C-alpha atoms as a PDB file:
ATOM      1  CA  MET A   1      86.405 155.031 126.876  1.00  0.00           C
ATOM      2  CA  ASN A   2      84.419 152.863 124.502  1.00  0.00           C
ATOM      3  CA  ILE A   3      84.121 152.665 120.745  1.00  0.00           C
ATOM      4  CA  GLY A   4      80.671 153.170 119.271  1.00  0.00           C
ATOM      5  CA  ILE A   5      79.771 152.019 115.771  1.00  0.00           C
ATOM      6  CA  ASP A   6      76.640 152.979 113.877  1.00  0.00           C
ATOM      7  CA  LEU A   7      76.318 150.643 110.912  1.00  0.00           C
ATOM      8  CA  GLY A   8      73.652 151.664 108.421  1.00  0.00           C
ATOM      9  CA  GLY A   9      72.504 150.161 105.182  1.00  0.00           C
ATOM     10  CA  THR A  10      74.620 152.653 103.238  1.00  0.00           C
ATOM     11  CA  LYS A  11      77.210 154.045 105.644  1.00  0.00           C
ATOM     12  CA  ILE A  12      79.378 153.322 108.639  1.00  0.00           C
ATOM     13  CA  GLN A  13      80.174 155.766 111.430  1.00  0.00           C
ATOM     14  CA  VAL A  14      82.726 155.054 114.167  1.00  0.00           C
ATOM     15  CA  GLY A  15      83.900 157.093 117.150  1.00  0.00           C
ATOM     16  CA  ILE A  16      85.130 156.998 120.717  1.00  0.00           C
ATOM     17  CA  GLU A  17      82.799 157.995 123.530  1.00  0.00           C
ATOM     18  CA  LYS A  18      84.454 159.945 126.335  1.00  0.00           C
ATOM     19  CA  ASN A  19      82.395 161.642 129.042  1.00  0.00           C
ATOM     20  CA  GLY A  20      79.290 161.703 126.888  1.00  0.00           C
ATOM     21  CA  GLU A  21      81.025 163.142 123.822  1.00  0.00           C
ATOM     22  CA  ILE A  22      82.262 161.548 120.616  1.00  0.00           C
ATOM     23  CA  ILE A  23      85.927 162.044 119.768  1.00  0.00           C
ATOM     24  CA  SER A  24      88.072 160.722 116.901  1.00  0.00           C
ATOM     25  CA  GLN A  25      85.039 160.205 114.695  1.00  0.00           C
ATOM     26  CA  THR A  26      85.186 158.668 111.204  1.00  0.00           C
ATOM     27  CA  LYS A  27      82.392 158.055 108.715  1.00  0.00           C
ATOM     28  CA  ALA A  28      82.179 156.730 105.182  1.00  0.00           C
ATOM     29  CA  LEU A  29      79.957 154.928 102.727  1.00  0.00           C
ATOM     30  CA  LEU A  30      79.825 151.178 103.161  1.00  0.00           C
ATOM     31  CA  LYS A  31      81.550 149.553 100.187  1.00  0.00           C
ATOM     32  CA  GLU A  32      81.042 146.221  98.382  1.00  0.00           C
ATOM     33  CA  LYS A  33      77.891 145.330 100.319  1.00  0.00           C
ATOM     34  CA  ASP A  34      77.504 142.078  98.389  1.00  0.00           C
ATOM     35  CA  SER A  35      80.721 140.785  99.978  1.00  0.00           C
ATOM     36  CA  LEU A  36      80.674 139.796 103.633  1.00  0.00           C
ATOM     37  CA  SER A  37      84.460 139.666 103.869  1.00  0.00           C
ATOM     38  CA  SER A  38      84.860 143.123 102.304  1.00  0.00           C
ATOM     39  CA  THR A  39      82.324 144.800 104.582  1.00  0.00           C
ATOM     40  CA  LEU A  40      83.759 143.141 107.681  1.00  0.00           C
ATOM     41  CA  LYS A  41      87.246 144.247 106.619  1.00  0.00           C
ATOM     42  CA  GLN A  42      86.001 147.810 106.270  1.00  0.00           C
ATOM     43  CA  VAL A  43      84.493 147.727 109.771  1.00  0.00           C
ATOM     44  CA  ILE A  44      87.684 146.273 111.250  1.00  0.00           C
ATOM     45  CA  ASN A  45      89.891 148.816 109.468  1.00  0.00           C
ATOM     46  CA  PHE A  46      87.783 151.655 110.874  1.00  0.00           C
ATOM     47  CA  ILE A  47      88.229 150.333 114.403  1.00  0.00           C
ATOM     48  CA  LYS A  48      91.970 149.661 114.301  1.00  0.00           C
ATOM     49  CA  PRO A  49      93.200 153.299 114.473  1.00  0.00           C
ATOM     50  CA  LEU A  50      91.043 153.914 117.562  1.00  0.00           C
ATOM     51  CA  MET A  51      92.439 151.053 119.619  1.00  0.00           C
ATOM     52  CA  ASN A  52      95.453 153.058 120.809  1.00  0.00           C
ATOM     53  CA  HIS A  53      93.211 155.268 122.979  1.00  0.00           C
ATOM     54  CA  GLY A  54      92.874 152.805 125.857  1.00  0.00           C
ATOM     55  CA  VAL A  55      89.483 151.567 124.694  1.00  0.00           C
ATOM     56  CA  GLU A  56      87.700 149.175 127.059  1.00  0.00           C
ATOM     57  CA  GLY A  57      84.973 147.835 124.808  1.00  0.00           C
ATOM     58  CA  ILE A  58      83.084 148.123 121.524  1.00  0.00           C
ATOM     59  CA  GLY A  59      79.359 148.663 121.010  1.00  0.00           C
ATOM     60  CA  ILE A  60      77.745 148.418 117.602  1.00  0.00           C
ATOM     61  CA  GLY A  61      74.255 149.218 116.360  1.00  0.00           C
ATOM     62  CA  VAL A  62      73.028 147.331 113.310  1.00  0.00           C
ATOM     63  CA  PRO A  63      69.736 147.699 111.369  1.00  0.00           C
ATOM     64  CA  SER A  64      68.567 144.145 111.954  1.00  0.00           C
ATOM     65  CA  VAL A  65      67.213 141.620 114.390  1.00  0.00           C
ATOM     66  CA  VAL A  66      69.987 140.740 116.821  1.00  0.00           C
ATOM     67  CA  ASP A  67      70.703 137.805 119.094  1.00  0.00           C
ATOM     68  CA  VAL A  68      71.874 140.208 121.787  1.00  0.00           C
ATOM     69  CA  LYS A  69      73.332 137.564 124.109  1.00  0.00           C
ATOM     70  CA  ASN A  70      75.565 136.036 121.445  1.00  0.00           C
ATOM     71  CA  GLY A  71      76.014 139.125 119.290  1.00  0.00           C
ATOM     72  CA  ILE A  72      74.702 137.512 116.112  1.00  0.00           C
ATOM     73  CA  VAL A  73      72.964 139.704 113.525  1.00  0.00           C
ATOM     74  CA  TYR A  74      70.479 138.426 110.960  1.00  0.00           C
ATOM     75  CA  ASN A  75      69.339 139.764 107.583  1.00  0.00           C
ATOM     76  CA  VAL A  76      70.802 143.249 107.911  1.00  0.00           C
ATOM     77  CA  THR A  77      68.722 145.845 106.078  1.00  0.00           C
ATOM     78  CA  ASN A  78      70.274 146.887 102.739  1.00  0.00           C
ATOM     79  CA  ILE A  79      73.425 144.790 103.278  1.00  0.00           C
ATOM     80  CA  PRO A  80      72.603 141.630 101.313  1.00  0.00           C
ATOM     81  CA  SER A  81      75.739 139.722 102.344  1.00  0.00           C
ATOM     82  CA  TRP A  82      74.866 139.940 106.054  1.00  0.00           C
ATOM     83  CA  LYS A  83      72.396 137.067 106.374  1.00  0.00           C
ATOM     84  CA  LYS A  84      73.829 135.668 109.605  1.00  0.00           C
ATOM     85  CA  VAL A  85      76.973 137.241 111.028  1.00  0.00           C
ATOM     86  CA  GLU A  86      78.528 136.297 114.373  1.00  0.00           C
ATOM     87  CA  LEU A  87      79.694 139.870 114.772  1.00  0.00           C
ATOM     88  CA  LYS A  88      80.544 139.740 118.481  1.00  0.00           C
ATOM     89  CA  ALA A  89      82.768 136.671 118.084  1.00  0.00           C
ATOM     90  CA  ILE A  90      84.483 138.069 114.981  1.00  0.00           C
ATOM     91  CA  LEU A  91      85.342 141.428 116.555  1.00  0.00           C
ATOM     92  CA  GLU A  92      86.320 139.986 119.938  1.00  0.00           C
ATOM     93  CA  LYS A  93      88.722 137.612 118.192  1.00  0.00           C
ATOM     94  CA  GLU A  94      90.191 140.511 116.241  1.00  0.00           C
ATOM     95  CA  PHE A  95      90.573 143.015 119.106  1.00  0.00           C
ATOM     96  CA  ALA A  96      90.487 140.954 122.335  1.00  0.00           C
ATOM     97  CA  ILE A  97      88.085 143.325 124.132  1.00  0.00           C
ATOM     98  CA  PRO A  98      84.363 142.926 124.920  1.00  0.00           C
ATOM     99  CA  VAL A  99      81.951 143.623 122.051  1.00  0.00           C
ATOM    100  CA  TYR A 100      78.199 144.199 122.370  1.00  0.00           C
ATOM    101  CA  VAL A 101      75.700 144.328 119.524  1.00  0.00           C
ATOM    102  CA  ASN A 102      72.154 145.654 119.347  1.00  0.00           C
ATOM    103  CA  ASN A 103      69.621 147.087 116.921  1.00  0.00           C
ATOM    104  CA  ASP A 104      70.546 150.555 115.636  1.00  0.00           C
ATOM    105  CA  VAL A 105      67.311 152.248 116.748  1.00  0.00           C
ATOM    106  CA  ASN A 106      67.690 150.710 120.200  1.00  0.00           C
ATOM    107  CA  CYS A 107      71.086 152.417 120.284  1.00  0.00           C
ATOM    108  CA  PHE A 108      69.408 155.692 119.326  1.00  0.00           C
ATOM    109  CA  ALA A 109      66.976 155.298 122.246  1.00  0.00           C
ATOM    110  CA  ILE A 110      69.773 154.404 124.674  1.00  0.00           C
ATOM    111  CA  GLY A 111      71.777 157.399 123.507  1.00  0.00           C
ATOM    112  CA  GLU A 112      68.897 159.802 124.074  1.00  0.00           C
ATOM    113  CA  HIS A 113      68.135 158.298 127.464  1.00  0.00           C
ATOM    114  CA  ARG A 114      71.723 158.381 128.728  1.00  0.00           C
ATOM    115  CA  PHE A 115      73.083 161.501 127.080  1.00  0.00           C
ATOM    116  CA  GLY A 116      70.300 163.428 125.388  1.00  0.00           C
ATOM    117  CA  LEU A 117      66.743 164.694 125.582  1.00  0.00           C
ATOM    118  CA  GLY A 118      65.506 161.510 127.264  1.00  0.00           C
ATOM    119  CA  MET A 119      67.604 161.875 130.410  1.00  0.00           C
ATOM    120  CA  GLN A 120      64.651 163.354 132.301  1.00  0.00           C
ATOM    121  CA  PHE A 121      62.260 160.490 131.496  1.00  0.00           C
ATOM    122  CA  ARG A 122      61.941 156.996 132.973  1.00  0.00           C
ATOM    123  CA  ASN A 123      59.713 155.829 130.116  1.00  0.00           C
ATOM    124  CA  MET A 124      60.344 156.991 126.560  1.00  0.00           C
ATOM    125  CA  VAL A 125      60.309 155.829 122.962  1.00  0.00           C
ATOM    126  CA  GLY A 126      62.844 156.841 120.344  1.00  0.00           C
ATOM    127  CA  MET A 127      61.389 156.861 116.829  1.00  0.00           C
ATOM    128  CA  SER A 128      63.851 157.025 113.960  1.00  0.00           C
ATOM    129  CA  ILE A 129      62.466 158.050 110.565  1.00  0.00           C
ATOM    130  CA  GLY A 130      64.639 157.405 107.555  1.00  0.00           C
ATOM    131  CA  THR A 131      64.389 154.932 104.714  1.00  0.00           C
ATOM    132  CA  GLY A 132      62.285 152.947 107.170  1.00  0.00           C
ATOM    133  CA  LEU A 133      60.684 153.556 110.562  1.00  0.00           C
ATOM    134  CA  GLY A 134      62.007 151.989 113.759  1.00  0.00           C
ATOM    135  CA  SER A 135      61.492 152.474 117.476  1.00  0.00           C
ATOM    136  CA  GLY A 136      63.537 151.850 120.604  1.00  0.00           C
ATOM    137  CA  ILE A 137      61.703 151.352 123.894  1.00  0.00           C
ATOM    138  CA  ILE A 138      62.834 152.483 127.344  1.00  0.00           C
ATOM    139  CA  ILE A 139      60.642 151.208 130.189  1.00  0.00           C
ATOM    140  CA  ASP A 140      61.407 152.146 133.803  1.00  0.00           C
ATOM    141  CA  ASN A 141      64.902 153.328 132.785  1.00  0.00           C
ATOM    142  CA  LYS A 142      65.726 150.049 131.004  1.00  0.00           C
ATOM    143  CA  LEU A 143      65.886 149.185 127.333  1.00  0.00           C
ATOM    144  CA  TYR A 144      63.159 146.742 126.367  1.00  0.00           C
ATOM    145  CA  THR A 145      64.076 144.604 123.362  1.00  0.00           C
ATOM    146  CA  GLY A 146      61.657 141.698 123.603  1.00  0.00           C
ATOM    147  CA  ILE A 147      62.854 138.102 123.475  1.00  0.00           C
ATOM    148  CA  ASN A 148      64.279 138.363 119.949  1.00  0.00           C
ATOM    149  CA  CYS A 149      65.266 142.050 119.886  1.00  0.00           C
ATOM    150  CA  GLY A 150      62.122 142.650 117.835  1.00  0.00           C
ATOM    151  CA  ALA A 151      60.233 145.004 120.159  1.00  0.00           C
ATOM    152  CA  GLY A 152      59.484 148.447 118.784  1.00  0.00           C
ATOM    153  CA  GLU A 153      58.903 147.481 115.160  1.00  0.00           C
ATOM    154  CA  ILE A 154      55.919 149.808 114.987  1.00  0.00           C
ATOM    155  CA  GLY A 155      56.584 150.460 111.328  1.00  0.00           C
ATOM    156  CA  LEU A 156      55.736 146.871 110.420  1.00  0.00           C
ATOM    157  CA  LEU A 157      52.240 146.976 111.895  1.00  0.00           C
ATOM    158  CA  PRO A 158      49.462 146.667 109.277  1.00  0.00           C
ATOM    159  CA  TYR A 159      48.183 150.043 108.059  1.00  0.00           C
ATOM    160  CA  LYS A 160      45.879 150.757 105.135  1.00  0.00           C
ATOM    161  CA  ASP A 161      46.886 148.396 102.318  1.00  0.00           C
ATOM    162  CA  LYS A 162      50.523 147.999 103.433  1.00  0.00           C
ATOM    163  CA  ASN A 163      52.132 148.775 106.791  1.00  0.00           C
ATOM    164  CA  ILE A 164      52.885 151.928 108.750  1.00  0.00           C
ATOM    165  CA  GLU A 165      56.473 152.139 107.501  1.00  0.00           C
ATOM    166  CA  TYR A 166      55.312 152.272 103.869  1.00  0.00           C
ATOM    167  CA  TYR A 167      53.452 155.513 104.599  1.00  0.00           C
ATOM    168  CA  ALA A 168      55.468 157.004 107.492  1.00  0.00           C
ATOM    169  CA  SER A 169      59.061 156.893 106.279  1.00  0.00           C
ATOM    170  CA  GLY A 170      61.103 158.117 103.354  1.00  0.00           C
ATOM    171  CA  ASN A 171      59.437 155.414 101.309  1.00  0.00           C
ATOM    172  CA  PHE A 172      56.266 157.562 101.236  1.00  0.00           C
ATOM    173  CA  PHE A 173      57.837 160.163  98.952  1.00  0.00           C
ATOM    174  CA  SER A 174      59.338 157.687  96.484  1.00  0.00           C
ATOM    175  CA  SER A 175      56.215 155.519  96.353  1.00  0.00           C
ATOM    176  CA  PHE A 176      53.555 158.205  96.014  1.00  0.00           C
ATOM    177  CA  TYR A 177      55.308 161.242  94.563  1.00  0.00           C
ATOM    178  CA  ASP A 178      58.334 159.880  92.684  1.00  0.00           C
ATOM    179  CA  THR A 179      60.698 162.050  94.680  1.00  0.00           C
ATOM    180  CA  THR A 180      62.889 161.742  97.758  1.00  0.00           C
ATOM    181  CA  ALA A 181      62.331 163.019 101.258  1.00  0.00           C
ATOM    182  CA  LEU A 182      65.442 165.183 100.861  1.00  0.00           C
ATOM    183  CA  ASP A 183      64.172 166.803  97.677  1.00  0.00           C
ATOM    184  CA  ALA A 184      60.740 167.301  99.238  1.00  0.00           C
ATOM    185  CA  TYR A 185      62.421 168.921 102.239  1.00  0.00           C
ATOM    186  CA  LYS A 186      64.476 171.286 100.075  1.00  0.00           C
ATOM    187  CA  ALA A 187      61.397 172.221  98.065  1.00  0.00           C
ATOM    188  CA  ALA A 188      59.317 172.849 101.190  1.00  0.00           C
ATOM    189  CA  LYS A 189      62.079 175.063 102.610  1.00  0.00           C
ATOM    190  CA  ALA A 190      61.900 177.060  99.390  1.00  0.00           C
ATOM    191  CA  GLY A 191      58.159 177.503  99.895  1.00  0.00           C
ATOM    192  CA  ASP A 192      56.956 175.093  97.224  1.00  0.00           C
ATOM    193  CA  PRO A 193      53.244 174.499  97.949  1.00  0.00           C
ATOM    194  CA  GLU A 194      53.197 171.003  96.437  1.00  0.00           C
ATOM    195  CA  ALA A 195      56.063 169.850  98.645  1.00  0.00           C
ATOM    196  CA  MET A 196      54.450 171.381 101.712  1.00  0.00           C
ATOM    197  CA  SER A 197      51.244 169.505 100.847  1.00  0.00           C
ATOM    198  CA  GLN A 198      53.240 166.274 100.634  1.00  0.00           C
ATOM    199  CA  TRP A 199      54.703 166.822 104.102  1.00  0.00           C
ATOM    200  CA  ASN A 200      51.255 167.643 105.422  1.00  0.00           C
ATOM    201  CA  GLU A 201      49.986 164.300 104.134  1.00  0.00           C
ATOM    202  CA  PHE A 202      53.049 162.554 105.533  1.00  0.00           C
ATOM    203  CA  GLY A 203      52.320 164.019 108.962  1.00  0.00           C
ATOM    204  CA  LEU A 204      48.888 162.403 109.073  1.00  0.00           C
ATOM    205  CA  HIS A 205      50.478 159.006 108.474  1.00  0.00           C
ATOM    206  CA  PHE A 206      53.260 159.605 110.977  1.00  0.00           C
ATOM    207  CA  GLY A 207      50.590 160.623 113.474  1.00  0.00           C
ATOM    208  CA  ALA A 208      49.131 157.141 113.072  1.00  0.00           C
ATOM    209  CA  ALA A 209      52.555 155.706 113.951  1.00  0.00           C
ATOM    210  CA  VAL A 210      52.708 157.871 117.064  1.00  0.00           C
ATOM    211  CA  GLN A 211      49.240 156.708 118.080  1.00  0.00           C
ATOM    212  CA  ALA A 212      50.361 153.083 117.721  1.00  0.00           C
ATOM    213  CA  VAL A 213      53.209 153.840 120.139  1.00  0.00           C
ATOM    214  CA  LEU A 214      50.837 155.508 122.585  1.00  0.00           C
ATOM    215  CA  TYR A 215      48.339 152.649 122.584  1.00  0.00           C
ATOM    216  CA  THR A 216      51.151 150.126 122.991  1.00  0.00           C
ATOM    217  CA  TYR A 217      53.583 151.756 125.443  1.00  0.00           C
ATOM    218  CA  ASP A 218      52.011 154.994 126.781  1.00  0.00           C
ATOM    219  CA  PRO A 219      55.415 156.682 127.311  1.00  0.00           C
ATOM    220  CA  GLU A 220      56.187 160.020 128.914  1.00  0.00           C
ATOM    221  CA  ALA A 221      58.038 161.129 125.797  1.00  0.00           C
ATOM    222  CA  ILE A 222      58.636 160.303 122.173  1.00  0.00           C
ATOM    223  CA  ILE A 223      61.940 161.516 120.751  1.00  0.00           C
ATOM    224  CA  ILE A 224      62.108 161.708 116.967  1.00  0.00           C
ATOM    225  CA  GLY A 225      65.369 161.136 115.124  1.00  0.00           C
ATOM    226  CA  GLY A 226      66.599 159.952 111.764  1.00  0.00           C
ATOM    227  CA  SER A 227      67.113 161.855 108.538  1.00  0.00           C
ATOM    228  CA  LEU A 228      63.477 162.993 108.245  1.00  0.00           C
ATOM    229  CA  ALA A 229      63.445 164.540 111.719  1.00  0.00           C
ATOM    230  CA  LYS A 230      64.906 167.763 110.325  1.00  0.00           C
ATOM    231  CA  ALA A 231      61.639 168.254 108.430  1.00  0.00           C
ATOM    232  CA  PHE A 232      59.535 168.042 111.596  1.00  0.00           C
ATOM    233  CA  SER A 233      58.307 171.612 111.311  1.00  0.00           C
ATOM    234  CA  PHE A 234      56.688 170.715 107.976  1.00  0.00           C
ATOM    235  CA  PHE A 235      54.646 167.785 109.334  1.00  0.00           C
ATOM    236  CA  LYS A 236      54.169 168.719 113.001  1.00  0.00           C
ATOM    237  CA  ASP A 237      50.780 170.396 112.546  1.00  0.00           C
ATOM    238  CA  SER A 238      49.214 167.603 110.528  1.00  0.00           C
ATOM    239  CA  MET A 239      50.656 165.015 112.927  1.00  0.00           C
ATOM    240  CA  GLU A 240      48.935 166.821 115.790  1.00  0.00           C
ATOM    241  CA  GLU A 241      45.766 167.105 113.719  1.00  0.00           C
ATOM    242  CA  SER A 242      45.669 163.325 113.468  1.00  0.00           C
ATOM    243  CA  PHE A 243      45.464 163.126 117.269  1.00  0.00           C
ATOM    244  CA  LYS A 244      41.974 164.649 117.366  1.00  0.00           C
ATOM    245  CA  ASP A 245      40.382 161.194 117.118  1.00  0.00           C
ATOM    246  CA  PHE A 246      42.687 159.598 119.701  1.00  0.00           C
ATOM    247  CA  ILE A 247      40.504 157.845 122.270  1.00  0.00           C
ATOM    248  CA  TYR A 248      42.434 159.047 125.350  1.00  0.00           C
ATOM    249  CA  PRO A 249      42.974 162.830 125.026  1.00  0.00           C
ATOM    250  CA  GLU A 250      44.595 163.074 128.478  1.00  0.00           C
ATOM    251  CA  ILE A 251      47.483 160.954 127.196  1.00  0.00           C
ATOM    252  CA  ILE A 252      48.033 163.428 124.355  1.00  0.00           C
ATOM    253  CA  LYS A 253      48.030 166.356 126.795  1.00  0.00           C
ATOM    254  CA  LYS A 254      50.763 164.773 128.927  1.00  0.00           C
ATOM    255  CA  LEU A 255      52.902 163.505 126.061  1.00  0.00           C
ATOM    256  CA  ASN A 256      56.229 165.173 125.282  1.00  0.00           C
ATOM    257  CA  ILE A 257      57.230 164.993 121.599  1.00  0.00           C
ATOM    258  CA  LEU A 258      60.808 166.145 121.072  1.00  0.00           C
ATOM    259  CA  VAL A 259      63.193 166.195 118.124  1.00  0.00           C
ATOM    260  CA  SER A 260      66.720 164.872 118.619  1.00  0.00           C
ATOM    261  CA  ASN A 261      69.376 167.600 118.453  1.00  0.00           C
ATOM    262  CA  ASN A 262      72.554 165.490 118.572  1.00  0.00           C
ATOM    263  CA  GLU A 263      73.682 163.918 115.309  1.00  0.00           C
ATOM    264  CA  ASN A 264      75.954 161.526 117.220  1.00  0.00           C
ATOM    265  CA  ILE A 265      73.309 160.224 119.601  1.00  0.00           C
ATOM    266  CA  ALA A 266      73.083 156.743 118.025  1.00  0.00           C
ATOM    267  CA  LEU A 267      76.865 156.489 118.142  1.00  0.00           C
ATOM    268  CA  LEU A 268      76.823 157.432 121.827  1.00  0.00           C
ATOM    269  CA  GLY A 269      74.130 154.844 122.432  1.00  0.00           C
ATOM    270  CA  ALA A 270      76.155 152.149 120.709  1.00  0.00           C
ATOM    271  CA  ALA A 271      79.177 152.945 122.879  1.00  0.00           C
ATOM    272  CA  ALA A 272      76.923 152.851 125.945  1.00  0.00           C
ATOM    273  CA  LEU A 273      76.122 149.189 125.242  1.00  0.00           C
ATOM    274  CA  VAL A 274      79.450 148.387 126.898  1.00  0.00           C
ATOM    275  CA  ASP A 275      78.662 150.208 130.143  1.00  0.00           C
ATOM    276  CA  GLN A 276      75.110 148.867 130.109  1.00  0.00           C
ATOM    277  CA  ALA A 277      76.419 145.304 129.968  1.00  0.00           C
ATOM    278  CA  LEU A 278      78.863 145.931 132.816  1.00  0.00           C
ATOM    279  CA  GLU A 279      76.146 147.515 134.939  1.00  0.00           C
ATOM    280  CA  HIS A 280      73.819 144.610 134.288  1.00  0.00           C
ATOM    281  CA  ALA A 281      76.532 142.107 135.183  1.00  0.00           C
ATOM    282  CA  GLY A 282      77.014 143.846 138.494  1.00  0.00           C
ATOM    283  CA  THR A 283      73.329 144.123 139.361  1.00  0.00           C
ATOM    284  CA  VAL A 284      71.712 140.942 138.039  1.00  0.00           C
ATOM    285  CA  ASP A 285      69.927 140.453 141.329  1.00  0.00           C
ATOM    286  CA  ASN A 286      68.523 143.960 141.374  1.00  0.00           C
ATOM    287  CA  PRO A 287      65.463 144.167 139.096  1.00  0.00           C
ATOM    288  CA  SER A 288      65.273 147.957 139.520  1.00  0.00           C
ATOM    289  CA  SER A 289      68.733 148.594 138.124  1.00  0.00           C
ATOM    290  CA  SER A 290      68.738 151.271 135.430  1.00  0.00           C
ATOM    291  CA  LEU A 291      70.606 151.737 132.209  1.00  0.00           C
END
């Protein structure tokens, strides 16, 4: 059994992975984000009660660029005190078990590939839509992070006058319509035509993000997660409409676009970082080894 931690800009979620399920789960808002010591103490205090379950390792997903080898996180999104945190060393000193750190959306992609809708695909991209837009890349059954754990930042590609993330994340609703994605979702569910029009416009922008993924990685599947995924039915049609000008229509025909159906999938992916590291250690001479 391994502990998985999903650390967001506003919340922390911790649980134990056992046979592809999360047990003993705890979640809460992240407190005193301007204090590194306070936030680290909160993380440690969440882990402590789970250590009596025979845990073998800890995996943690963080919304930042990560030095994966050394477990150092930099400039964590929405946690101003986390400029450079040697998270692996801190937690290994505290608990004396192996700790592995990666980007949170990479953990989402790993979770889908190991335990979720991505199990049937060798090449897939997980796209998480929330406050921002991130992607995790699986190529030939292996997570691809790039040299600096920066691969998959599709949202930061230039688009219109800003970048893709500005238009294809929750930021779209606050920037252009002075509302939130949640309120727009509730209004659309109630049949409000203005909200439905907003989601229709959003879908055109998200379609551009999908096209960027297709031109870059050409995966078998894209799996959509994050808080805005629940609104997929409201932007699906306009997203697909945006594909009409895609240069390679055969790619669109073969593409599988799925919506994540497991709210714990990022937590499962974080826990799987431990097994992934052990598998890699045992197969370093085998370039075809999978996750």
